[in-house]
Amino acid sequence: MSERPYGIVDAWAMPCHPPISDRWNADPKRTHGMSLFGASGFGGWSIDEQVEEMDRWGVEIAVLSAIREADDVKISNEEVAACVEKYPTRFRGSLAVDPRRPMAALREMQTWVRDYGFVNVKVCPYAYGYDNPPNSKLWYPIYAKACELGVSVTIQVGHTGPLLPSEPGRPIYLDEVALTFPELTIVGAHIGWPWEEEMGMLAWKHDNVYVDTSAHAPTRYPERFVRFLKRRAPHKVLFGTDYPALRYDRAVGEVSALDLPADVERMFLRDNAWKVFGLDRS
């Protein structure tokens, strides 16, 4: 259990109640990814039970993600909005749109941010083929609109759990995005493993680039990533779970094993995400 004098912010979580859990279970592309995490949580439980688990482990706010992989909508913006509406002090929304229909996507972004208070845009390039990594022109209207709306963008980097291409997850593609859009706050999700050193270099280089730890348990963080968190750029790393792929008992319970200085631990668990997602504004 968490006894910290502040609430934790989870940079990437997902609701997992039916019918959302049913969609994950029905997707054969997910079998590999789910086995990596032992994600029995995809059997599903209510949003109330999710909040109870957050309470037990000191998680004050979770940024809930809509997930869209081309035509396959695993978690809709509407489903995320319903969770935020029920628990407005505990959840914030991260939206997903179809970049192949740019004008519709930009209108949707404006609606979900301005009318529903979503704080982030989720981008999953692996779902759009080898030719559409994060620096593809496919994504540029999304980035420009995020700048206009003043919200961050979280981009999946690293290998893929689903049986979809990992190449678009190479962190180096974010270098061009950060240079082209210096006003855009970019979060590279999932550490970037197995290219975590490349991801760390980009977060160190660019003022507008951050990295989150979603889908990786603290005791499994690569050693050089832990050094990066502790010493080189503690202000650039956000705690994340990819809940329910990683449950709070493990994700929060193992943080103490990192032996972080108290000020670094607070930045990691709360302050960095508070800044990136503009939680004071939301």
C-alpha atoms as a PDB file:
ATOM      1  CA  MET A   1       0.000   0.000   0.000  1.00  0.00           C
ATOM      2  CA  SER A   2       1.114   3.563  -0.670  1.00  0.00           C
ATOM      3  CA  GLU A   3       1.800   5.827   2.309  1.00  0.00           C
ATOM      4  CA  ARG A   4       3.189   8.735   0.333  1.00  0.00           C
ATOM      5  CA  PRO A   5       2.031  12.239   1.291  1.00  0.00           C
ATOM      6  CA  TYR A   6       0.912  12.913  -2.288  1.00  0.00           C
ATOM      7  CA  GLY A   7      -1.267  11.186  -4.855  1.00  0.00           C
ATOM      8  CA  ILE A   8       0.263   9.289  -7.764  1.00  0.00           C
ATOM      9  CA  VAL A   9      -0.614  10.078 -11.387  1.00  0.00           C
ATOM     10  CA  ASP A  10      -0.776   7.164 -13.834  1.00  0.00           C
ATOM     11  CA  ALA A  11       0.160   8.462 -17.293  1.00  0.00           C
ATOM     12  CA  TRP A  12      -1.411   5.573 -19.220  1.00  0.00           C
ATOM     13  CA  ALA A  13      -4.271   3.426 -17.968  1.00  0.00           C
ATOM     14  CA  MET A  14      -7.300   1.854 -19.607  1.00  0.00           C
ATOM     15  CA  PRO A  15     -10.806   0.997 -18.459  1.00  0.00           C
ATOM     16  CA  CYS A  16     -11.414  -2.738 -18.580  1.00  0.00           C
ATOM     17  CA  HIS A  17     -15.104  -3.336 -17.960  1.00  0.00           C
ATOM     18  CA  PRO A  18     -17.234  -5.306 -20.423  1.00  0.00           C
ATOM     19  CA  PRO A  19     -17.720  -4.851 -23.350  1.00  0.00           C
ATOM     20  CA  ILE A  20     -14.187  -3.401 -23.521  1.00  0.00           C
ATOM     21  CA  SER A  21     -12.634  -6.519 -22.000  1.00  0.00           C
ATOM     22  CA  ASP A  22     -14.596  -8.687 -24.447  1.00  0.00           C
ATOM     23  CA  ARG A  23     -13.052  -6.851 -27.415  1.00  0.00           C
ATOM     24  CA  TRP A  24      -9.513  -7.490 -26.168  1.00  0.00           C
ATOM     25  CA  ASN A  25     -10.234 -11.165 -25.557  1.00  0.00           C
ATOM     26  CA  ALA A  26     -11.750 -11.607 -29.024  1.00  0.00           C
ATOM     27  CA  ASP A  27      -8.705 -10.185 -30.830  1.00  0.00           C
ATOM     28  CA  PRO A  28      -6.146 -12.847 -31.869  1.00  0.00           C
ATOM     29  CA  LYS A  29      -3.490 -10.123 -32.392  1.00  0.00           C
ATOM     30  CA  ARG A  30      -3.534  -9.555 -28.619  1.00  0.00           C
ATOM     31  CA  THR A  31      -2.700 -13.093 -27.550  1.00  0.00           C
ATOM     32  CA  HIS A  32       1.047 -12.482 -27.696  1.00  0.00           C
ATOM     33  CA  GLY A  33       0.943  -9.132 -25.937  1.00  0.00           C
ATOM     34  CA  MET A  34      -1.359 -10.325 -23.180  1.00  0.00           C
ATOM     35  CA  SER A  35       0.844 -13.341 -22.490  1.00  0.00           C
ATOM     36  CA  LEU A  36       3.823 -11.028 -22.005  1.00  0.00           C
ATOM     37  CA  PHE A  37       2.099  -9.337 -19.092  1.00  0.00           C
ATOM     38  CA  GLY A  38      -0.026 -12.187 -17.768  1.00  0.00           C
ATOM     39  CA  ALA A  39      -2.950  -9.832 -18.237  1.00  0.00           C
ATOM     40  CA  SER A  40      -5.742 -11.769 -16.564  1.00  0.00           C
ATOM     41  CA  GLY A  41      -7.259  -8.334 -15.948  1.00  0.00           C
ATOM     42  CA  PHE A  42      -8.747  -8.401 -19.415  1.00  0.00           C
ATOM     43  CA  GLY A  43     -11.460 -10.619 -17.982  1.00  0.00           C
ATOM     44  CA  GLY A  44     -12.955  -7.312 -16.965  1.00  0.00           C
ATOM     45  CA  TRP A  45     -14.209  -5.539 -13.869  1.00  0.00           C
ATOM     46  CA  SER A  46     -16.160  -2.384 -13.206  1.00  0.00           C
ATOM     47  CA  ILE A  47     -14.845   1.159 -13.196  1.00  0.00           C
ATOM     48  CA  ASP A  48     -15.842   1.312  -9.506  1.00  0.00           C
ATOM     49  CA  GLU A  49     -13.519  -1.599  -8.748  1.00  0.00           C
ATOM     50  CA  GLN A  50     -10.770   0.133 -10.697  1.00  0.00           C
ATOM     51  CA  VAL A  51     -11.133   3.228  -8.510  1.00  0.00           C
ATOM     52  CA  GLU A  52     -11.085   1.059  -5.383  1.00  0.00           C
ATOM     53  CA  GLU A  53      -7.755  -0.385  -6.518  1.00  0.00           C
ATOM     54  CA  MET A  54      -6.424   3.116  -7.177  1.00  0.00           C
ATOM     55  CA  ASP A  55      -7.449   4.092  -3.646  1.00  0.00           C
ATOM     56  CA  ARG A  56      -5.602   1.137  -2.138  1.00  0.00           C
ATOM     57  CA  TRP A  57      -2.370   2.081  -3.859  1.00  0.00           C
ATOM     58  CA  GLY A  58      -2.475   5.857  -3.600  1.00  0.00           C
ATOM     59  CA  VAL A  59      -3.202   6.595  -7.260  1.00  0.00           C
ATOM     60  CA  GLU A  60      -5.007   9.924  -7.296  1.00  0.00           C
ATOM     61  CA  ILE A  61      -5.485  10.358 -11.056  1.00  0.00           C
ATOM     62  CA  ALA A  62      -5.245   8.004 -14.022  1.00  0.00           C
ATOM     63  CA  VAL A  63      -5.154   9.239 -17.603  1.00  0.00           C
ATOM     64  CA  LEU A  64      -7.531   6.825 -19.332  1.00  0.00           C
ATOM     65  CA  SER A  65      -6.744   6.045 -22.948  1.00  0.00           C
ATOM     66  CA  ALA A  66      -8.999   5.482 -25.879  1.00  0.00           C
ATOM     67  CA  ILE A  67      -7.330   2.964 -28.196  1.00  0.00           C
ATOM     68  CA  ARG A  68      -7.838   2.993 -31.947  1.00  0.00           C
ATOM     69  CA  GLU A  69      -5.884   0.797 -34.339  1.00  0.00           C
ATOM     70  CA  ALA A  70      -7.015   1.886 -37.823  1.00  0.00           C
ATOM     71  CA  ASP A  71     -10.587   0.563 -38.161  1.00  0.00           C
ATOM     72  CA  ASP A  72     -10.340  -1.409 -34.926  1.00  0.00           C
ATOM     73  CA  VAL A  73     -11.611   0.639 -31.977  1.00  0.00           C
ATOM     74  CA  LYS A  74     -10.670  -1.178 -28.793  1.00  0.00           C
ATOM     75  CA  ILE A  75     -11.725   1.645 -26.440  1.00  0.00           C
ATOM     76  CA  SER A  76     -13.793   4.515 -27.772  1.00  0.00           C
ATOM     77  CA  ASN A  77     -13.585   8.160 -26.795  1.00  0.00           C
ATOM     78  CA  GLU A  78     -17.204   7.887 -25.651  1.00  0.00           C
ATOM     79  CA  GLU A  79     -16.362   5.039 -23.266  1.00  0.00           C
ATOM     80  CA  VAL A  80     -13.467   7.005 -21.780  1.00  0.00           C
ATOM     81  CA  ALA A  81     -15.680  10.093 -21.437  1.00  0.00           C
ATOM     82  CA  ALA A  82     -18.270   8.063 -19.513  1.00  0.00           C
ATOM     83  CA  CYS A  83     -15.617   7.005 -16.987  1.00  0.00           C
ATOM     84  CA  VAL A  84     -14.370  10.571 -16.599  1.00  0.00           C
ATOM     85  CA  GLU A  85     -17.917  11.818 -16.159  1.00  0.00           C
ATOM     86  CA  LYS A  86     -18.541   9.299 -13.367  1.00  0.00           C
ATOM     87  CA  TYR A  87     -15.257  10.049 -11.575  1.00  0.00           C
ATOM     88  CA  PRO A  88     -14.185  13.524 -12.711  1.00  0.00           C
ATOM     89  CA  THR A  89     -11.601  13.970  -9.954  1.00  0.00           C
ATOM     90  CA  ARG A  90      -9.983  10.566 -10.563  1.00  0.00           C
ATOM     91  CA  PHE A  91      -9.716  10.282 -14.329  1.00  0.00           C
ATOM     92  CA  ARG A  92      -8.651  12.391 -17.286  1.00  0.00           C
ATOM     93  CA  GLY A  93      -9.217  11.423 -20.889  1.00  0.00           C
ATOM     94  CA  SER A  94      -6.749  10.622 -23.666  1.00  0.00           C
ATOM     95  CA  LEU A  95      -8.453  10.580 -27.069  1.00  0.00           C
ATOM     96  CA  ALA A  96      -7.794   8.595 -30.228  1.00  0.00           C
ATOM     97  CA  VAL A  97      -8.740   9.526 -33.787  1.00  0.00           C
ATOM     98  CA  ASP A  98      -8.282   8.085 -37.270  1.00  0.00           C
ATOM     99  CA  PRO A  99      -5.440  10.020 -38.979  1.00  0.00           C
ATOM    100  CA  ARG A 100      -6.493   8.713 -42.395  1.00  0.00           C
ATOM    101  CA  ARG A 101      -9.525  11.009 -42.235  1.00  0.00           C
ATOM    102  CA  PRO A 102      -7.754  14.206 -41.191  1.00  0.00           C
ATOM    103  CA  MET A 103     -10.572  16.750 -41.273  1.00  0.00           C
ATOM    104  CA  ALA A 104     -12.917  14.501 -39.295  1.00  0.00           C
ATOM    105  CA  ALA A 105     -10.060  13.730 -36.902  1.00  0.00           C
ATOM    106  CA  LEU A 106      -9.357  17.418 -36.268  1.00  0.00           C
ATOM    107  CA  ARG A 107     -13.017  18.149 -35.597  1.00  0.00           C
ATOM    108  CA  GLU A 108     -13.160  15.232 -33.168  1.00  0.00           C
ATOM    109  CA  MET A 109     -10.046  16.428 -31.367  1.00  0.00           C
ATOM    110  CA  GLN A 110     -11.539  19.864 -30.886  1.00  0.00           C
ATOM    111  CA  THR A 111     -14.770  18.404 -29.507  1.00  0.00           C
ATOM    112  CA  TRP A 112     -13.130  16.014 -27.062  1.00  0.00           C
ATOM    113  CA  VAL A 113     -10.657  18.572 -25.761  1.00  0.00           C
ATOM    114  CA  ARG A 114     -12.826  21.679 -25.607  1.00  0.00           C
ATOM    115  CA  ASP A 115     -16.186  20.154 -24.724  1.00  0.00           C
ATOM    116  CA  TYR A 116     -15.119  17.120 -22.672  1.00  0.00           C
ATOM    117  CA  GLY A 117     -11.814  18.243 -21.187  1.00  0.00           C
ATOM    118  CA  PHE A 118      -9.562  15.511 -22.606  1.00  0.00           C
ATOM    119  CA  VAL A 119      -5.904  16.287 -21.872  1.00  0.00           C
ATOM    120  CA  ASN A 120      -3.969  14.086 -24.286  1.00  0.00           C
ATOM    121  CA  VAL A 121      -3.983  12.447 -27.713  1.00  0.00           C
ATOM    122  CA  LYS A 122      -2.946   8.811 -28.104  1.00  0.00           C
ATOM    123  CA  VAL A 123      -1.029   7.871 -31.269  1.00  0.00           C
ATOM    124  CA  CYS A 124      -0.325   4.217 -32.154  1.00  0.00           C
ATOM    125  CA  PRO A 125       1.703   4.229 -35.403  1.00  0.00           C
ATOM    126  CA  TYR A 126       2.208   0.443 -35.430  1.00  0.00           C
ATOM    127  CA  ALA A 127      -1.430   0.007 -36.471  1.00  0.00           C
ATOM    128  CA  TYR A 128      -0.934   1.928 -39.705  1.00  0.00           C
ATOM    129  CA  GLY A 129       1.845  -0.097 -41.290  1.00  0.00           C
ATOM    130  CA  TYR A 130       5.571   0.184 -41.841  1.00  0.00           C
ATOM    131  CA  ASP A 131       5.193   3.339 -43.946  1.00  0.00           C
ATOM    132  CA  ASN A 132       3.584   5.456 -41.216  1.00  0.00           C
ATOM    133  CA  PRO A 133       5.984   5.848 -38.286  1.00  0.00           C
ATOM    134  CA  PRO A 134       5.551   8.915 -36.043  1.00  0.00           C
ATOM    135  CA  ASN A 135       7.334  11.236 -38.491  1.00  0.00           C
ATOM    136  CA  SER A 136       5.032  10.293 -41.371  1.00  0.00           C
ATOM    137  CA  LYS A 137       2.969  13.123 -42.875  1.00  0.00           C
ATOM    138  CA  LEU A 138      -0.086  11.073 -41.882  1.00  0.00           C
ATOM    139  CA  TRP A 139       0.318  12.303 -38.297  1.00  0.00           C
ATOM    140  CA  TYR A 140       1.260  15.930 -38.881  1.00  0.00           C
ATOM    141  CA  PRO A 141      -2.295  17.361 -38.878  1.00  0.00           C
ATOM    142  CA  ILE A 142      -2.823  15.623 -35.506  1.00  0.00           C
ATOM    143  CA  TYR A 143       0.318  17.183 -34.072  1.00  0.00           C
ATOM    144  CA  ALA A 144      -0.552  20.640 -35.371  1.00  0.00           C
ATOM    145  CA  LYS A 145      -4.054  20.470 -33.882  1.00  0.00           C
ATOM    146  CA  ALA A 146      -2.674  19.269 -30.549  1.00  0.00           C
ATOM    147  CA  CYS A 147      -0.421  22.344 -30.502  1.00  0.00           C
ATOM    148  CA  GLU A 148      -3.399  24.582 -31.236  1.00  0.00           C
ATOM    149  CA  LEU A 149      -5.474  22.951 -28.486  1.00  0.00           C
ATOM    150  CA  GLY A 150      -2.604  22.965 -25.986  1.00  0.00           C
ATOM    151  CA  VAL A 151      -2.644  19.227 -25.237  1.00  0.00           C
ATOM    152  CA  SER A 152       0.125  16.652 -25.209  1.00  0.00           C
ATOM    153  CA  VAL A 153       0.513  13.672 -27.521  1.00  0.00           C
ATOM    154  CA  THR A 154       1.520  10.222 -26.274  1.00  0.00           C
ATOM    155  CA  ILE A 155       3.133   8.076 -28.965  1.00  0.00           C
ATOM    156  CA  GLN A 156       3.700   4.352 -28.598  1.00  0.00           C
ATOM    157  CA  VAL A 157       7.403   3.560 -28.923  1.00  0.00           C
ATOM    158  CA  GLY A 158       9.316   0.326 -28.543  1.00  0.00           C
ATOM    159  CA  HIS A 159       8.261  -3.157 -29.566  1.00  0.00           C
ATOM    160  CA  THR A 160       4.608  -4.082 -29.923  1.00  0.00           C
ATOM    161  CA  GLY A 161       2.744  -6.521 -27.727  1.00  0.00           C
ATOM    162  CA  PRO A 162       0.198  -7.233 -30.459  1.00  0.00           C
ATOM    163  CA  LEU A 163       1.361  -9.062 -33.561  1.00  0.00           C
ATOM    164  CA  LEU A 164       1.829  -5.829 -35.500  1.00  0.00           C
ATOM    165  CA  PRO A 165       5.050  -4.196 -36.765  1.00  0.00           C
ATOM    166  CA  SER A 166       7.540  -2.938 -34.189  1.00  0.00           C
ATOM    167  CA  GLU A 167       9.624  -0.871 -36.632  1.00  0.00           C
ATOM    168  CA  PRO A 168       7.327   2.221 -36.395  1.00  0.00           C
ATOM    169  CA  GLY A 169       8.100   2.164 -32.665  1.00  0.00           C
ATOM    170  CA  ARG A 170      11.749   3.156 -33.108  1.00  0.00           C
ATOM    171  CA  PRO A 171      12.122   6.231 -30.847  1.00  0.00           C
ATOM    172  CA  ILE A 172      14.445   7.989 -33.299  1.00  0.00           C
ATOM    173  CA  TYR A 173      11.412   8.891 -35.419  1.00  0.00           C
ATOM    174  CA  LEU A 174      10.388  11.295 -32.634  1.00  0.00           C
ATOM    175  CA  ASP A 175      13.489  13.367 -33.270  1.00  0.00           C
ATOM    176  CA  GLU A 176      12.051  14.847 -36.467  1.00  0.00           C
ATOM    177  CA  VAL A 177       8.651  15.368 -34.837  1.00  0.00           C
ATOM    178  CA  ALA A 178      10.196  17.273 -31.917  1.00  0.00           C
ATOM    179  CA  LEU A 179      12.240  19.451 -34.264  1.00  0.00           C
ATOM    180  CA  THR A 180       9.259  20.196 -36.506  1.00  0.00           C
ATOM    181  CA  PHE A 181       6.847  20.874 -33.642  1.00  0.00           C
ATOM    182  CA  PRO A 182       8.813  22.463 -30.772  1.00  0.00           C
ATOM    183  CA  GLU A 183       5.510  23.647 -29.263  1.00  0.00           C
ATOM    184  CA  LEU A 184       4.212  20.071 -28.999  1.00  0.00           C
ATOM    185  CA  THR A 185       4.619  18.130 -25.743  1.00  0.00           C
ATOM    186  CA  ILE A 186       5.515  14.571 -26.733  1.00  0.00           C
ATOM    187  CA  VAL A 187       5.480  11.521 -24.469  1.00  0.00           C
ATOM    188  CA  GLY A 188       7.167   8.362 -25.738  1.00  0.00           C
ATOM    189  CA  ALA A 189       5.312   5.510 -24.075  1.00  0.00           C
ATOM    190  CA  HIS A 190       6.476   2.115 -22.816  1.00  0.00           C
ATOM    191  CA  ILE A 191      10.096   3.249 -22.123  1.00  0.00           C
ATOM    192  CA  GLY A 192      10.950   2.588 -25.767  1.00  0.00           C
ATOM    193  CA  TRP A 193      12.343  -0.868 -24.976  1.00  0.00           C
ATOM    194  CA  PRO A 194      14.396  -2.421 -26.491  1.00  0.00           C
ATOM    195  CA  TRP A 195      15.561   1.014 -27.698  1.00  0.00           C
ATOM    196  CA  GLU A 196      15.284   2.685 -24.290  1.00  0.00           C
ATOM    197  CA  GLU A 197      18.703   4.333 -24.596  1.00  0.00           C
ATOM    198  CA  GLU A 198      17.601   5.963 -27.847  1.00  0.00           C
ATOM    199  CA  MET A 199      14.401   7.139 -26.152  1.00  0.00           C
ATOM    200  CA  GLY A 200      16.319   8.561 -23.217  1.00  0.00           C
ATOM    201  CA  MET A 201      18.673  10.428 -25.524  1.00  0.00           C
ATOM    202  CA  LEU A 202      15.716  12.129 -27.212  1.00  0.00           C
ATOM    203  CA  ALA A 203      14.114  13.099 -23.887  1.00  0.00           C
ATOM    204  CA  TRP A 204      17.440  14.546 -22.761  1.00  0.00           C
ATOM    205  CA  LYS A 205      17.954  16.396 -26.059  1.00  0.00           C
ATOM    206  CA  HIS A 206      14.518  17.954 -26.540  1.00  0.00           C
ATOM    207  CA  ASP A 207      12.769  20.161 -23.997  1.00  0.00           C
ATOM    208  CA  ASN A 208       9.395  18.991 -25.328  1.00  0.00           C
ATOM    209  CA  VAL A 209      10.020  15.206 -25.186  1.00  0.00           C
ATOM    210  CA  TYR A 210       9.237  12.945 -22.215  1.00  0.00           C
ATOM    211  CA  VAL A 211       9.058   9.198 -21.639  1.00  0.00           C
ATOM    212  CA  ASP A 212       6.591   7.109 -19.643  1.00  0.00           C
ATOM    213  CA  THR A 213       7.075   3.693 -18.078  1.00  0.00           C
ATOM    214  CA  SER A 214       3.726   2.135 -18.983  1.00  0.00           C
ATOM    215  CA  ALA A 215       3.628  -1.651 -19.471  1.00  0.00           C
ATOM    216  CA  HIS A 216       6.918  -2.180 -17.607  1.00  0.00           C
ATOM    217  CA  ALA A 217       7.159  -3.217 -13.964  1.00  0.00           C
ATOM    218  CA  PRO A 218       9.685  -1.160 -11.953  1.00  0.00           C
ATOM    219  CA  THR A 219      11.854  -4.156 -11.063  1.00  0.00           C
ATOM    220  CA  ARG A 220      12.138  -4.907 -14.784  1.00  0.00           C
ATOM    221  CA  TYR A 221      13.230  -1.443 -15.908  1.00  0.00           C
ATOM    222  CA  PRO A 222      16.552  -1.723 -17.764  1.00  0.00           C
ATOM    223  CA  GLU A 223      19.473  -0.665 -15.580  1.00  0.00           C
ATOM    224  CA  ARG A 224      20.530   2.182 -17.849  1.00  0.00           C
ATOM    225  CA  PHE A 225      16.969   3.507 -17.847  1.00  0.00           C
ATOM    226  CA  VAL A 226      16.980   3.568 -14.034  1.00  0.00           C
ATOM    227  CA  ARG A 227      20.230   5.554 -14.122  1.00  0.00           C
ATOM    228  CA  PHE A 228      18.613   7.965 -16.581  1.00  0.00           C
ATOM    229  CA  LEU A 229      15.646   8.384 -14.227  1.00  0.00           C
ATOM    230  CA  LYS A 230      17.785   8.838 -11.116  1.00  0.00           C
ATOM    231  CA  ARG A 231      20.564  11.066 -12.358  1.00  0.00           C
ATOM    232  CA  ARG A 232      20.382  12.357 -15.863  1.00  0.00           C
ATOM    233  CA  ALA A 233      16.808  13.518 -16.432  1.00  0.00           C
ATOM    234  CA  PRO A 234      14.478  12.821 -13.483  1.00  0.00           C
ATOM    235  CA  HIS A 235      12.228  15.641 -14.697  1.00  0.00           C
ATOM    236  CA  LYS A 236      11.547  13.787 -17.954  1.00  0.00           C
ATOM    237  CA  VAL A 237      10.080  10.444 -16.825  1.00  0.00           C
ATOM    238  CA  LEU A 238       6.400   9.776 -16.078  1.00  0.00           C
ATOM    239  CA  PHE A 239       5.061   6.828 -14.112  1.00  0.00           C
ATOM    240  CA  GLY A 240       2.627   4.727 -16.136  1.00  0.00           C
ATOM    241  CA  THR A 241       1.118   1.269 -15.964  1.00  0.00           C
ATOM    242  CA  ASP A 242      -0.876   0.402 -19.111  1.00  0.00           C
ATOM    243  CA  TYR A 243      -3.424  -0.803 -16.559  1.00  0.00           C
ATOM    244  CA  PRO A 244      -4.797  -3.482 -16.483  1.00  0.00           C
ATOM    245  CA  ALA A 245      -1.831  -5.001 -18.326  1.00  0.00           C
ATOM    246  CA  LEU A 246       0.141  -4.017 -15.220  1.00  0.00           C
ATOM    247  CA  ARG A 247      -1.787  -3.844 -11.974  1.00  0.00           C
ATOM    248  CA  TYR A 248      -1.160  -1.287  -9.229  1.00  0.00           C
ATOM    249  CA  ASP A 249      -0.037  -3.794  -6.627  1.00  0.00           C
ATOM    250  CA  ARG A 250       3.011  -4.488  -8.752  1.00  0.00           C
ATOM    251  CA  ALA A 251       3.492  -1.133 -10.508  1.00  0.00           C
ATOM    252  CA  VAL A 252       3.299   0.941  -7.316  1.00  0.00           C
ATOM    253  CA  GLY A 253       4.493  -1.760  -4.951  1.00  0.00           C
ATOM    254  CA  GLU A 254       7.822  -2.176  -6.746  1.00  0.00           C
ATOM    255  CA  VAL A 255       8.751   1.524  -6.969  1.00  0.00           C
ATOM    256  CA  SER A 256      10.574   1.407  -3.633  1.00  0.00           C
ATOM    257  CA  ALA A 257      12.968  -1.165  -5.134  1.00  0.00           C
ATOM    258  CA  LEU A 258      14.305   1.584  -7.431  1.00  0.00           C
ATOM    259  CA  ASP A 259      15.771   3.365  -4.382  1.00  0.00           C
ATOM    260  CA  LEU A 260      15.000   6.807  -5.788  1.00  0.00           C
ATOM    261  CA  PRO A 261      15.768   9.972  -3.831  1.00  0.00           C
ATOM    262  CA  ALA A 262      12.553  11.384  -2.374  1.00  0.00           C
ATOM    263  CA  ASP A 263      12.464  14.390  -4.692  1.00  0.00           C
ATOM    264  CA  VAL A 264      13.074  12.224  -7.775  1.00  0.00           C
ATOM    265  CA  GLU A 265      10.398   9.755  -6.722  1.00  0.00           C
ATOM    266  CA  ARG A 266       7.849  12.559  -6.383  1.00  0.00           C
ATOM    267  CA  MET A 267       8.723  13.956  -9.824  1.00  0.00           C
ATOM    268  CA  PHE A 268       8.421  10.479 -11.295  1.00  0.00           C
ATOM    269  CA  LEU A 269       5.159   9.508  -9.601  1.00  0.00           C
ATOM    270  CA  ARG A 270       3.352  12.832  -9.737  1.00  0.00           C
ATOM    271  CA  ASP A 271       4.931  16.146 -10.640  1.00  0.00           C
ATOM    272  CA  ASN A 272       6.118  15.389 -14.181  1.00  0.00           C
ATOM    273  CA  ALA A 273       2.719  14.082 -15.259  1.00  0.00           C
ATOM    274  CA  TRP A 274       0.989  16.996 -13.526  1.00  0.00           C
ATOM    275  CA  LYS A 275       3.005  19.351 -15.704  1.00  0.00           C
ATOM    276  CA  VAL A 276       2.766  17.412 -18.976  1.00  0.00           C
ATOM    277  CA  PHE A 277      -1.003  16.902 -18.820  1.00  0.00           C
ATOM    278  CA  GLY A 278      -1.745  20.357 -17.414  1.00  0.00           C
ATOM    279  CA  LEU A 279      -3.758  18.883 -14.569  1.00  0.00           C
ATOM    280  CA  ASP A 280      -4.110  22.247 -12.851  1.00  0.00           C
ATOM    281  CA  ARG A 281      -5.918  23.512 -15.955  1.00  0.00           C
ATOM    282  CA  SER A 282      -8.082  20.412 -16.336  1.00  0.00           C
END
